[in-house]
Structure formats: C-alpha cells, structure tokens
Amino acid sequence: IKHFPGKPELIESEYVRYLIFLQIRNYLLKGDLQLPIEEETRLAAFAVQASLGDYDSDIHKENYLADLKFLSRRTLKSEDIIIDLHKQLK
C-alpha cells in the first residue's frame, strides 16, 4: 500500500490488516522506517505480541526473543524494552 491508515482498527478486512502488519514488520527488519528507536521498539513489541500472543511467564522464559528477529538495529537494551512492552500488551 502507498499510505498506512491512521486508524488500522477501522479496516474491516482481517486479511488487509494482516498484510499491513507484514509490511510494517518487513520495514522494521530492513531498517526502512525513519523512526526513533523508541517507536521502533514499540512497533516490534506489537509484532512480538501478534506473533507470540500475550505474555505468559510460564511460556516466555528468559531470552525468549533470542531466536526472533524484529528489528534491524537490535541491541540488548532494545530487546529488554520490547520484553517490558510485551508484558504490558493485552
């Protein structure tokens, strides 16, 4: 798509929302988005939640993001922020 909708929740098609998610995730992986790292980690936390579901301490053990790629410029600090944000998402 050329432009991302301001309110994706207004998109009725689940399939279109999924395609937008995939496109944003690819932008994060390639580093194509011109965003501050705080916004990138927030989007990455949403991507983690969409992929893995709500945070569950029984399932999501330490370093559960080690094998997942969601950011092009990944650091331990950004990973910790993503985990903290993932814990808050429902």
C-alpha atoms as a PDB file:
ATOM      1  CA  ILE A   1       0.000   0.000   0.000  1.00  0.00           C
ATOM      2  CA  LYS A   2       1.105   3.568  -0.556  1.00  0.00           C
ATOM      3  CA  HIS A   3      -0.110   5.074   2.699  1.00  0.00           C
ATOM      4  CA  PHE A   4      -0.720   3.460   6.036  1.00  0.00           C
ATOM      5  CA  PRO A   5      -4.125   4.171   7.552  1.00  0.00           C
ATOM      6  CA  GLY A   6      -4.189   6.451  10.584  1.00  0.00           C
ATOM      7  CA  LYS A   7      -6.556   4.102  12.394  1.00  0.00           C
ATOM      8  CA  PRO A   8      -5.944   0.499  11.329  1.00  0.00           C
ATOM      9  CA  GLU A   9      -8.724  -0.701  13.626  1.00  0.00           C
ATOM     10  CA  LEU A  10     -11.200   0.833  11.155  1.00  0.00           C
ATOM     11  CA  ILE A  11     -10.068  -1.564   8.419  1.00  0.00           C
ATOM     12  CA  GLU A  12     -12.779  -4.197   8.238  1.00  0.00           C
ATOM     13  CA  SER A  13     -10.799  -6.886   6.446  1.00  0.00           C
ATOM     14  CA  GLU A  14      -8.687  -9.049   8.737  1.00  0.00           C
ATOM     15  CA  TYR A  15      -6.617 -10.060   5.724  1.00  0.00           C
ATOM     16  CA  VAL A  16      -5.767  -6.440   4.835  1.00  0.00           C
ATOM     17  CA  ARG A  17      -4.773  -5.749   8.473  1.00  0.00           C
ATOM     18  CA  TYR A  18      -2.528  -8.814   8.352  1.00  0.00           C
ATOM     19  CA  LEU A  19      -0.888  -7.641   5.124  1.00  0.00           C
ATOM     20  CA  ILE A  20      -0.221  -4.218   6.661  1.00  0.00           C
ATOM     21  CA  PHE A  21       1.319  -5.932   9.704  1.00  0.00           C
ATOM     22  CA  LEU A  22       3.608  -7.984   7.443  1.00  0.00           C
ATOM     23  CA  GLN A  23       4.690  -4.901   5.537  1.00  0.00           C
ATOM     24  CA  ILE A  24       5.498  -2.954   8.710  1.00  0.00           C
ATOM     25  CA  ARG A  25       7.371  -5.952  10.138  1.00  0.00           C
ATOM     26  CA  ASN A  26       9.457  -6.167   6.957  1.00  0.00           C
ATOM     27  CA  TYR A  27      10.221  -2.447   7.181  1.00  0.00           C
ATOM     28  CA  LEU A  28      11.416  -2.967  10.763  1.00  0.00           C
ATOM     29  CA  LEU A  29      13.640  -5.865   9.738  1.00  0.00           C
ATOM     30  CA  LYS A  30      15.193  -3.952   6.848  1.00  0.00           C
ATOM     31  CA  GLY A  31      15.529  -0.690   8.769  1.00  0.00           C
ATOM     32  CA  ASP A  32      13.476   1.138   6.141  1.00  0.00           C
ATOM     33  CA  LEU A  33      11.384   3.114   8.623  1.00  0.00           C
ATOM     34  CA  GLN A  34      12.735   6.502   9.633  1.00  0.00           C
ATOM     35  CA  LEU A  35      11.671   6.316  13.273  1.00  0.00           C
ATOM     36  CA  PRO A  36      13.292   6.967  16.633  1.00  0.00           C
ATOM     37  CA  ILE A  37      14.421   3.728  18.283  1.00  0.00           C
ATOM     38  CA  GLU A  38      11.672   4.129  20.913  1.00  0.00           C
ATOM     39  CA  GLU A  39       8.976   3.941  18.224  1.00  0.00           C
ATOM     40  CA  GLU A  40      10.703   1.039  16.502  1.00  0.00           C
ATOM     41  CA  THR A  41      10.840  -0.955  19.729  1.00  0.00           C
ATOM     42  CA  ARG A  42       7.168  -0.188  20.374  1.00  0.00           C
ATOM     43  CA  LEU A  43       6.210  -1.480  16.923  1.00  0.00           C
ATOM     44  CA  ALA A  44       8.455  -4.507  17.474  1.00  0.00           C
ATOM     45  CA  ALA A  45       6.654  -5.220  20.768  1.00  0.00           C
ATOM     46  CA  PHE A  46       3.344  -5.180  18.905  1.00  0.00           C
ATOM     47  CA  ALA A  47       4.814  -7.573  16.349  1.00  0.00           C
ATOM     48  CA  VAL A  48       6.011  -9.904  19.130  1.00  0.00           C
ATOM     49  CA  GLN A  49       2.575  -9.825  20.736  1.00  0.00           C
ATOM     50  CA  ALA A  50       0.893 -10.512  17.393  1.00  0.00           C
ATOM     51  CA  SER A  51       3.237 -13.436  16.720  1.00  0.00           C
ATOM     52  CA  LEU A  52       3.527 -14.989  20.187  1.00  0.00           C
ATOM     53  CA  GLY A  53       0.325 -13.829  21.866  1.00  0.00           C
ATOM     54  CA  ASP A  54       0.002 -12.251  25.272  1.00  0.00           C
ATOM     55  CA  TYR A  55       2.973 -12.500  27.609  1.00  0.00           C
ATOM     56  CA  ASP A  56       2.882 -15.549  29.857  1.00  0.00           C
ATOM     57  CA  SER A  57       5.722 -16.028  32.339  1.00  0.00           C
ATOM     58  CA  ASP A  58       5.247 -19.809  32.195  1.00  0.00           C
ATOM     59  CA  ILE A  59       5.737 -19.869  28.426  1.00  0.00           C
ATOM     60  CA  HIS A  60       8.003 -16.890  27.778  1.00  0.00           C
ATOM     61  CA  LYS A  61      11.159 -17.682  29.682  1.00  0.00           C
ATOM     62  CA  GLU A  62      14.354 -15.626  29.790  1.00  0.00           C
ATOM     63  CA  ASN A  63      15.737 -14.813  26.320  1.00  0.00           C
ATOM     64  CA  TYR A  64      12.573 -15.933  24.548  1.00  0.00           C
ATOM     65  CA  LEU A  65      13.252 -13.307  21.874  1.00  0.00           C
ATOM     66  CA  ALA A  66      16.761 -14.597  21.138  1.00  0.00           C
ATOM     67  CA  ASP A  67      15.726 -16.523  18.016  1.00  0.00           C
ATOM     68  CA  LEU A  68      13.227 -13.946  16.743  1.00  0.00           C
ATOM     69  CA  LYS A  69      14.115 -11.020  14.503  1.00  0.00           C
ATOM     70  CA  PHE A  70      12.012  -7.879  14.707  1.00  0.00           C
ATOM     71  CA  LEU A  71      14.490  -5.006  14.437  1.00  0.00           C
ATOM     72  CA  SER A  72      17.349  -4.209  12.097  1.00  0.00           C
ATOM     73  CA  ARG A  73      19.321  -2.430  14.828  1.00  0.00           C
ATOM     74  CA  ARG A  74      18.809  -4.808  17.684  1.00  0.00           C
ATOM     75  CA  THR A  75      20.588  -4.357  20.997  1.00  0.00           C
ATOM     76  CA  LEU A  76      20.215  -5.952  24.414  1.00  0.00           C
ATOM     77  CA  LYS A  77      18.630  -2.738  25.654  1.00  0.00           C
ATOM     78  CA  SER A  78      16.058  -2.681  22.840  1.00  0.00           C
ATOM     79  CA  GLU A  79      15.304  -6.353  23.498  1.00  0.00           C
ATOM     80  CA  ASP A  80      14.681  -5.586  27.188  1.00  0.00           C
ATOM     81  CA  ILE A  81      12.368  -2.722  26.220  1.00  0.00           C
ATOM     82  CA  ILE A  82      10.464  -4.989  23.816  1.00  0.00           C
ATOM     83  CA  ILE A  83      10.029  -7.585  26.582  1.00  0.00           C
ATOM     84  CA  ASP A  84       8.783  -4.936  29.027  1.00  0.00           C
ATOM     85  CA  LEU A  85       6.311  -3.594  26.482  1.00  0.00           C
ATOM     86  CA  HIS A  86       5.200  -7.118  25.539  1.00  0.00           C
ATOM     87  CA  LYS A  87       4.360  -7.792  29.192  1.00  0.00           C
ATOM     88  CA  GLN A  88       2.011  -4.780  29.178  1.00  0.00           C
ATOM     89  CA  LEU A  89       0.153  -5.635  25.961  1.00  0.00           C
ATOM     90  CA  LYS A  90      -3.163  -7.475  26.018  1.00  0.00           C
END
